[in-house]
N, C-alpha and C. Protein backbone atom coordinates (compact mmCIF):
# COMPACT_ATOMS: atom_id res chain seq x y z
N UNK A 1 99.00 106.44 110.46
CA UNK A 1 98.53 107.46 109.54
C UNK A 1 98.08 108.68 110.33
N UNK A 2 98.11 109.81 109.67
CA UNK A 2 97.60 111.02 110.29
C UNK A 2 96.09 110.95 110.42
N UNK A 3 95.55 111.65 111.39
CA UNK A 3 94.10 111.74 111.56
C UNK A 3 93.48 112.28 110.28
N UNK A 4 94.14 113.25 109.67
CA UNK A 4 93.65 113.85 108.43
C UNK A 4 93.53 112.80 107.33
N UNK A 5 94.52 111.93 107.23
CA UNK A 5 94.48 110.87 106.22
C UNK A 5 93.33 109.91 106.50
N UNK A 6 93.15 109.53 107.76
CA UNK A 6 92.04 108.65 108.10
C UNK A 6 90.69 109.31 107.80
N UNK A 7 90.59 110.60 108.07
CA UNK A 7 89.34 111.33 107.79
C UNK A 7 89.07 111.34 106.28
N UNK A 8 90.10 111.58 105.49
CA UNK A 8 89.94 111.62 104.04
C UNK A 8 89.52 110.26 103.49
N UNK A 9 90.12 109.19 103.99
CA UNK A 9 89.75 107.85 103.54
C UNK A 9 88.31 107.56 103.93
N UNK A 10 87.94 107.92 105.16
CA UNK A 10 86.56 107.71 105.61
C UNK A 10 85.56 108.46 104.75
N UNK A 11 85.90 109.70 104.37
CA UNK A 11 85.01 110.48 103.50
C UNK A 11 84.89 109.85 102.12
N UNK A 12 86.00 109.40 101.58
CA UNK A 12 86.00 108.78 100.25
C UNK A 12 85.16 107.50 100.24
N UNK A 13 85.30 106.70 101.28
CA UNK A 13 84.49 105.48 101.39
C UNK A 13 83.02 105.83 101.51
N UNK A 14 82.70 106.80 102.36
CA UNK A 14 81.31 107.18 102.58
C UNK A 14 80.65 107.70 101.31
N UNK A 15 81.43 108.32 100.46
CA UNK A 15 80.90 108.82 99.20
C UNK A 15 80.34 107.68 98.34
N UNK A 16 80.85 106.48 98.55
CA UNK A 16 80.38 105.32 97.79
C UNK A 16 79.08 104.74 98.34
N UNK A 17 78.72 105.14 99.57
CA UNK A 17 77.52 104.62 100.24
C UNK A 17 76.69 105.79 100.80
N UNK A 18 76.21 106.66 99.92
CA UNK A 18 75.57 107.90 100.39
C UNK A 18 74.31 107.71 101.21
N UNK A 19 73.63 106.61 101.05
CA UNK A 19 72.38 106.39 101.78
C UNK A 19 72.53 105.40 102.92
N UNK A 20 73.77 105.11 103.28
CA UNK A 20 74.02 104.12 104.34
C UNK A 20 75.05 104.66 105.34
N UNK A 21 74.66 105.61 106.18
CA UNK A 21 75.62 106.20 107.12
C UNK A 21 76.22 105.20 108.10
N UNK A 22 75.44 104.21 108.54
CA UNK A 22 75.99 103.22 109.47
C UNK A 22 77.08 102.40 108.78
N UNK A 23 76.82 102.00 107.55
CA UNK A 23 77.81 101.25 106.78
C UNK A 23 79.06 102.12 106.53
N UNK A 24 78.84 103.40 106.25
CA UNK A 24 79.97 104.31 106.06
C UNK A 24 80.82 104.37 107.33
N UNK A 25 80.17 104.42 108.48
CA UNK A 25 80.90 104.45 109.76
C UNK A 25 81.72 103.16 109.94
N UNK A 26 81.08 102.02 109.75
CA UNK A 26 81.76 100.73 109.94
C UNK A 26 82.92 100.58 108.96
N UNK A 27 82.69 100.92 107.70
CA UNK A 27 83.76 100.80 106.72
C UNK A 27 84.86 101.84 106.95
N UNK A 28 84.48 103.02 107.43
CA UNK A 28 85.47 104.02 107.80
C UNK A 28 86.37 103.51 108.91
N UNK A 29 85.75 102.86 109.90
CA UNK A 29 86.53 102.31 111.01
C UNK A 29 87.42 101.17 110.52
N UNK A 30 86.89 100.30 109.68
CA UNK A 30 87.69 99.20 109.13
C UNK A 30 88.86 99.76 108.32
N UNK A 31 88.60 100.84 107.58
CA UNK A 31 89.67 101.43 106.76
C UNK A 31 90.81 101.96 107.63
N UNK A 32 90.47 102.39 108.84
CA UNK A 32 91.50 102.88 109.75
C UNK A 32 92.52 101.77 110.03
N UNK A 33 92.01 100.62 110.40
CA UNK A 33 92.90 99.51 110.74
C UNK A 33 93.69 99.04 109.52
N UNK A 34 93.02 98.95 108.38
CA UNK A 34 93.71 98.49 107.17
C UNK A 34 94.77 99.48 106.70
N UNK A 35 94.49 100.77 106.77
CA UNK A 35 95.48 101.75 106.32
C UNK A 35 96.64 101.86 107.31
N UNK A 36 96.39 101.57 108.58
CA UNK A 36 97.48 101.60 109.56
C UNK A 36 98.48 100.47 109.35
N UNK A 37 98.12 99.45 108.60
CA UNK A 37 99.06 98.37 108.30
C UNK A 37 100.23 98.90 107.47
N UNK A 38 99.96 99.88 106.61
CA UNK A 38 100.99 100.46 105.75
C UNK A 38 101.98 101.24 106.61
N UNK A 39 103.26 100.89 106.57
CA UNK A 39 104.24 101.68 107.34
C UNK A 39 104.16 103.16 106.93
N UNK A 40 104.15 104.05 107.93
CA UNK A 40 103.95 105.46 107.60
C UNK A 40 104.80 106.40 108.45
N UNK A 41 105.82 105.90 109.11
CA UNK A 41 106.85 106.74 109.69
C UNK A 41 106.60 107.32 111.07
N UNK A 42 105.62 106.82 111.81
CA UNK A 42 105.36 107.41 113.12
C UNK A 42 105.71 106.51 114.30
N UNK A 43 106.35 105.39 114.04
CA UNK A 43 106.69 104.46 115.13
C UNK A 43 107.62 105.09 116.15
N UNK A 44 108.64 105.80 115.69
CA UNK A 44 109.58 106.43 116.63
C UNK A 44 108.92 107.56 117.42
N UNK A 45 107.98 108.24 116.80
CA UNK A 45 107.25 109.29 117.50
C UNK A 45 106.45 108.69 118.66
N UNK A 46 105.79 107.56 118.40
CA UNK A 46 105.03 106.89 119.46
C UNK A 46 105.96 106.35 120.55
N UNK A 47 107.07 105.75 120.13
CA UNK A 47 108.02 105.23 121.12
C UNK A 47 108.55 106.35 122.01
N UNK A 48 108.80 107.52 121.44
CA UNK A 48 109.24 108.67 122.21
C UNK A 48 108.18 109.16 123.18
N UNK A 49 106.92 109.04 122.78
CA UNK A 49 105.82 109.41 123.68
C UNK A 49 105.74 108.43 124.85
N UNK A 50 105.76 107.15 124.55
CA UNK A 50 105.63 106.12 125.58
C UNK A 50 106.81 106.16 126.55
N UNK A 51 108.01 106.38 126.04
CA UNK A 51 109.19 106.41 126.91
C UNK A 51 109.27 107.70 127.72
N UNK A 52 108.53 108.71 127.31
CA UNK A 52 108.56 109.98 128.01
C UNK A 52 109.61 110.94 127.50
N UNK A 53 110.40 110.52 126.52
CA UNK A 53 111.49 111.36 126.04
C UNK A 53 111.03 112.43 125.04
N UNK A 54 109.90 112.19 124.37
CA UNK A 54 109.44 113.15 123.35
C UNK A 54 107.93 113.35 123.44
N UNK A 55 107.44 113.53 124.65
CA UNK A 55 106.00 113.69 124.86
C UNK A 55 105.50 114.97 124.21
N UNK A 56 106.20 116.08 124.44
CA UNK A 56 105.76 117.36 123.88
C UNK A 56 105.73 117.32 122.35
N UNK A 57 106.73 116.70 121.76
CA UNK A 57 106.78 116.60 120.30
C UNK A 57 105.60 115.78 119.78
N UNK A 58 105.31 114.66 120.42
CA UNK A 58 104.18 113.82 120.00
C UNK A 58 102.86 114.57 120.14
N UNK A 59 102.69 115.26 121.24
CA UNK A 59 101.45 116.02 121.46
C UNK A 59 101.33 117.14 120.43
N UNK A 60 102.43 117.79 120.12
CA UNK A 60 102.41 118.85 119.11
C UNK A 60 101.97 118.31 117.76
N UNK A 61 102.50 117.16 117.36
CA UNK A 61 102.10 116.56 116.09
C UNK A 61 100.62 116.21 116.08
N UNK A 62 100.13 115.67 117.18
CA UNK A 62 98.71 115.30 117.25
C UNK A 62 97.82 116.53 117.18
N UNK A 63 98.20 117.58 117.87
CA UNK A 63 97.40 118.82 117.83
C UNK A 63 97.40 119.41 116.43
N UNK A 64 98.56 119.50 115.81
CA UNK A 64 98.65 120.03 114.44
C UNK A 64 97.83 119.17 113.49
N UNK A 65 97.94 117.86 113.63
CA UNK A 65 97.18 116.94 112.78
C UNK A 65 95.68 117.11 113.01
N UNK A 66 95.27 117.26 114.26
CA UNK A 66 93.85 117.45 114.56
C UNK A 66 93.31 118.74 113.94
N UNK A 67 94.08 119.79 114.00
CA UNK A 67 93.68 121.06 113.39
C UNK A 67 93.61 120.91 111.87
N UNK A 68 94.60 120.22 111.30
CA UNK A 68 94.59 119.98 109.85
C UNK A 68 93.37 119.16 109.45
N UNK A 69 93.01 118.16 110.25
CA UNK A 69 91.82 117.35 109.97
C UNK A 69 90.57 118.21 110.02
N UNK A 70 90.49 119.10 110.99
CA UNK A 70 89.35 120.00 111.09
C UNK A 70 89.25 120.86 109.83
N UNK A 71 90.36 121.43 109.39
CA UNK A 71 90.34 122.25 108.18
C UNK A 71 90.00 121.41 106.94
N UNK A 72 90.46 120.17 106.90
CA UNK A 72 90.10 119.28 105.79
C UNK A 72 88.59 119.09 105.74
N UNK A 73 87.98 118.82 106.88
CA UNK A 73 86.53 118.62 106.92
C UNK A 73 85.81 119.90 106.51
N UNK A 74 86.27 121.04 107.02
CA UNK A 74 85.66 122.31 106.62
C UNK A 74 85.80 122.54 105.12
N UNK A 75 86.97 122.25 104.58
CA UNK A 75 87.19 122.36 103.14
C UNK A 75 86.22 121.47 102.39
N UNK A 76 86.12 120.24 102.84
CA UNK A 76 85.27 119.26 102.18
C UNK A 76 83.82 119.73 102.13
N UNK A 77 83.31 120.20 103.25
CA UNK A 77 81.91 120.58 103.31
C UNK A 77 81.63 121.97 102.74
N UNK A 78 82.65 122.73 102.44
CA UNK A 78 82.44 124.05 101.88
C UNK A 78 82.82 124.18 100.42
N UNK A 79 83.32 123.12 99.80
CA UNK A 79 83.70 123.19 98.40
C UNK A 79 82.87 122.28 97.51
N UNK A 80 82.13 121.38 98.09
CA UNK A 80 81.34 120.46 97.30
C UNK A 80 80.01 120.25 98.02
N UNK A 81 78.95 120.32 97.28
CA UNK A 81 77.64 120.14 97.88
C UNK A 81 77.34 118.64 97.93
N UNK A 82 77.11 118.16 99.12
CA UNK A 82 76.78 116.75 99.31
C UNK A 82 75.31 116.64 99.69
N UNK A 83 74.64 115.70 99.09
CA UNK A 83 73.28 115.40 99.52
C UNK A 83 73.32 114.38 100.65
N UNK A 84 74.49 113.90 100.94
CA UNK A 84 74.64 112.82 101.91
C UNK A 84 75.68 113.19 102.98
N UNK A 85 75.49 114.34 103.58
CA UNK A 85 76.43 114.82 104.61
C UNK A 85 76.52 113.86 105.80
N UNK A 86 75.40 113.24 106.15
CA UNK A 86 75.43 112.32 107.29
C UNK A 86 76.35 111.14 107.01
N UNK A 87 76.25 110.55 105.84
CA UNK A 87 77.13 109.43 105.50
C UNK A 87 78.60 109.86 105.50
N UNK A 88 78.89 111.03 104.92
CA UNK A 88 80.27 111.53 104.90
C UNK A 88 80.76 111.75 106.33
N UNK A 89 79.93 112.37 107.15
CA UNK A 89 80.30 112.61 108.55
C UNK A 89 80.56 111.31 109.29
N UNK A 90 79.73 110.33 109.05
CA UNK A 90 79.89 109.04 109.73
C UNK A 90 81.14 108.31 109.23
N UNK A 91 81.43 108.41 107.94
CA UNK A 91 82.65 107.80 107.41
C UNK A 91 83.89 108.43 108.02
N UNK A 92 83.87 109.75 108.16
CA UNK A 92 84.98 110.46 108.79
C UNK A 92 85.10 110.05 110.25
N UNK A 93 83.96 110.02 110.95
CA UNK A 93 83.97 109.64 112.37
C UNK A 93 84.52 108.23 112.56
N UNK A 94 84.08 107.30 111.73
CA UNK A 94 84.59 105.93 111.82
C UNK A 94 86.07 105.87 111.51
N UNK A 95 86.53 106.70 110.58
CA UNK A 95 87.94 106.71 110.19
C UNK A 95 88.87 107.23 111.28
N UNK A 96 88.39 108.16 112.10
CA UNK A 96 89.26 108.75 113.12
C UNK A 96 89.04 108.20 114.53
N UNK A 97 87.89 107.57 114.75
CA UNK A 97 87.56 107.09 116.10
C UNK A 97 88.60 106.16 116.72
N UNK A 98 89.17 105.21 115.99
CA UNK A 98 90.17 104.35 116.63
C UNK A 98 91.32 105.12 117.27
N UNK A 99 91.82 106.17 116.62
CA UNK A 99 92.91 106.95 117.22
C UNK A 99 92.43 107.71 118.45
N UNK A 100 91.19 108.15 118.44
CA UNK A 100 90.64 108.85 119.62
C UNK A 100 90.49 107.89 120.79
N UNK A 101 90.07 106.67 120.52
CA UNK A 101 89.95 105.66 121.58
C UNK A 101 91.33 105.33 122.15
N UNK A 102 92.31 105.18 121.27
CA UNK A 102 93.68 104.90 121.72
C UNK A 102 94.19 106.05 122.57
N UNK A 103 93.89 107.28 122.17
CA UNK A 103 94.33 108.45 122.95
C UNK A 103 93.69 108.44 124.33
N UNK A 104 92.40 108.08 124.40
CA UNK A 104 91.74 107.99 125.70
C UNK A 104 92.44 106.96 126.59
N UNK A 105 92.79 105.84 125.99
CA UNK A 105 93.49 104.82 126.76
C UNK A 105 94.86 105.32 127.22
N UNK A 106 95.60 105.95 126.30
CA UNK A 106 96.95 106.43 126.63
C UNK A 106 96.93 107.46 127.75
N UNK A 107 95.95 108.35 127.73
CA UNK A 107 95.91 109.44 128.70
C UNK A 107 95.32 109.00 130.04
N UNK A 108 94.21 108.25 129.98
CA UNK A 108 93.49 107.92 131.21
C UNK A 108 93.63 106.46 131.67
N UNK A 109 94.27 105.63 130.85
CA UNK A 109 94.46 104.21 131.17
C UNK A 109 93.15 103.53 131.58
N UNK A 110 92.12 103.76 130.78
CA UNK A 110 90.81 103.14 131.02
C UNK A 110 90.97 101.64 130.81
N UNK A 111 90.79 100.84 131.86
CA UNK A 111 91.02 99.40 131.73
C UNK A 111 90.19 98.73 130.64
N UNK A 112 88.97 99.16 130.45
CA UNK A 112 88.10 98.56 129.44
C UNK A 112 88.53 98.83 128.02
N UNK A 113 89.48 99.71 127.82
CA UNK A 113 89.95 100.04 126.47
C UNK A 113 91.28 99.39 126.12
N UNK A 114 91.83 98.65 127.06
CA UNK A 114 93.14 98.02 126.80
C UNK A 114 93.09 97.07 125.60
N UNK A 115 92.02 96.31 125.47
CA UNK A 115 91.88 95.37 124.35
C UNK A 115 91.89 96.13 123.02
N UNK A 116 91.23 97.29 123.00
CA UNK A 116 91.17 98.07 121.77
C UNK A 116 92.55 98.63 121.43
N UNK A 117 93.27 99.08 122.45
CA UNK A 117 94.63 99.58 122.26
C UNK A 117 95.51 98.49 121.65
N UNK A 118 95.40 97.30 122.18
CA UNK A 118 96.18 96.17 121.65
C UNK A 118 95.80 95.85 120.21
N UNK A 119 94.48 95.84 119.94
CA UNK A 119 93.99 95.57 118.58
C UNK A 119 94.54 96.61 117.61
N UNK A 120 94.47 97.87 118.00
CA UNK A 120 94.95 98.96 117.15
C UNK A 120 96.43 98.77 116.81
N UNK A 121 97.24 98.48 117.82
CA UNK A 121 98.67 98.35 117.57
C UNK A 121 99.03 97.01 116.93
N UNK A 122 98.15 96.03 117.01
CA UNK A 122 98.36 94.79 116.24
C UNK A 122 98.40 95.14 114.76
N UNK A 123 97.43 95.93 114.29
CA UNK A 123 97.40 96.33 112.89
C UNK A 123 98.50 97.35 112.59
N UNK A 124 98.67 98.32 113.47
CA UNK A 124 99.63 99.39 113.25
C UNK A 124 101.05 98.85 113.09
N UNK A 125 101.38 97.81 113.84
CA UNK A 125 102.74 97.28 113.83
C UNK A 125 102.89 96.01 113.00
N UNK A 126 101.85 95.61 112.31
CA UNK A 126 101.86 94.35 111.57
C UNK A 126 103.04 94.24 110.61
N UNK A 127 103.35 95.28 109.89
CA UNK A 127 104.46 95.26 108.94
C UNK A 127 105.68 95.97 109.52
N UNK A 128 105.47 97.14 110.12
CA UNK A 128 106.61 97.95 110.56
C UNK A 128 107.43 97.29 111.65
N UNK A 129 106.81 96.44 112.48
CA UNK A 129 107.60 95.77 113.52
C UNK A 129 108.48 94.66 112.94
N UNK A 130 108.11 94.14 111.79
CA UNK A 130 108.89 93.07 111.16
C UNK A 130 109.93 93.59 110.18
N UNK A 131 109.51 94.59 109.42
CA UNK A 131 110.39 95.09 108.35
C UNK A 131 110.95 96.46 108.62
N UNK A 132 110.53 97.06 109.72
CA UNK A 132 110.98 98.40 110.04
C UNK A 132 110.05 99.45 109.46
N UNK A 133 110.01 100.57 110.12
CA UNK A 133 109.16 101.67 109.67
C UNK A 133 109.97 102.56 108.74
N UNK A 134 109.29 103.31 107.92
CA UNK A 134 109.98 104.27 107.06
C UNK A 134 110.32 105.52 107.87
N UNK A 135 111.23 106.34 107.40
CA UNK A 135 111.54 107.59 108.10
C UNK A 135 110.30 108.49 108.15
N UNK A 136 110.21 109.29 109.20
CA UNK A 136 109.04 110.15 109.38
C UNK A 136 108.83 111.06 108.17
N UNK A 137 109.90 111.64 107.64
CA UNK A 137 109.78 112.55 106.50
C UNK A 137 109.18 111.84 105.29
N UNK A 138 109.57 110.60 105.07
CA UNK A 138 109.02 109.83 103.94
C UNK A 138 107.55 109.53 104.17
N UNK A 139 107.19 109.14 105.39
CA UNK A 139 105.79 108.87 105.72
C UNK A 139 104.93 110.12 105.58
N UNK A 140 105.48 111.25 106.01
CA UNK A 140 104.78 112.53 105.89
C UNK A 140 104.54 112.85 104.42
N UNK A 141 105.60 112.73 103.61
CA UNK A 141 105.48 113.03 102.17
C UNK A 141 104.48 112.10 101.50
N UNK A 142 104.53 110.81 101.83
CA UNK A 142 103.61 109.85 101.24
C UNK A 142 102.16 110.23 101.54
N UNK A 143 101.91 110.61 102.79
CA UNK A 143 100.54 110.96 103.17
C UNK A 143 100.10 112.28 102.55
N UNK A 144 101.01 113.21 102.37
CA UNK A 144 100.65 114.48 101.72
C UNK A 144 100.27 114.26 100.27
N UNK A 145 101.01 113.39 99.57
CA UNK A 145 100.68 113.07 98.18
C UNK A 145 99.31 112.38 98.13
N UNK A 146 99.10 111.45 99.04
CA UNK A 146 97.82 110.74 99.11
C UNK A 146 96.68 111.71 99.39
N UNK A 147 96.86 112.61 100.33
CA UNK A 147 95.83 113.60 100.66
C UNK A 147 95.55 114.52 99.49
N UNK A 148 96.60 114.96 98.81
CA UNK A 148 96.40 115.83 97.64
C UNK A 148 95.58 115.11 96.57
N UNK A 149 95.86 113.82 96.37
CA UNK A 149 95.09 113.06 95.39
C UNK A 149 93.62 112.94 95.83
N UNK A 150 93.39 112.69 97.11
CA UNK A 150 92.02 112.58 97.58
C UNK A 150 91.29 113.91 97.50
N UNK A 151 91.96 114.98 97.88
CA UNK A 151 91.33 116.30 97.85
C UNK A 151 90.98 116.67 96.41
N UNK A 152 91.86 116.33 95.46
CA UNK A 152 91.56 116.64 94.06
C UNK A 152 90.36 115.82 93.58
N UNK A 153 90.14 114.67 94.17
CA UNK A 153 89.01 113.83 93.78
C UNK A 153 87.69 114.31 94.37
N UNK A 154 87.72 114.76 95.62
CA UNK A 154 86.47 115.15 96.29
C UNK A 154 86.21 116.65 96.23
N UNK A 155 87.22 117.44 95.94
CA UNK A 155 87.08 118.89 96.01
C UNK A 155 86.48 119.52 94.82
């Protein structure tokens, strides 16, 4: 899933637990793994990054997604008044943290993060490695529809 999608799911979950920021963080993080089970079209992008054949393309997508996530958060906090900004922030942080940890491992090969990398891809590949991933365009479209629905709910 895109970082933006994980951020939106984390915010939506946190909205249900406005007085429990730690719970919002934990559930946001759990939602990351559960939503990554859904095939979403980025397997070939990752394979291209790992093989070295499409590193620039993968990095470009991550940067664009990171900027989109930033604008999503800005939109969220500037269009709706929340009395529970801490919980929302923690839900978003929990939702995106697994991808940030994986990125740290990918870039710096931190030995202590290898287990987390494996755990992340256990969930990420749970269905797509057995049944195949969807095309990137379909995964992109699916996530855009999902994001539009979430934004209409929280905005």
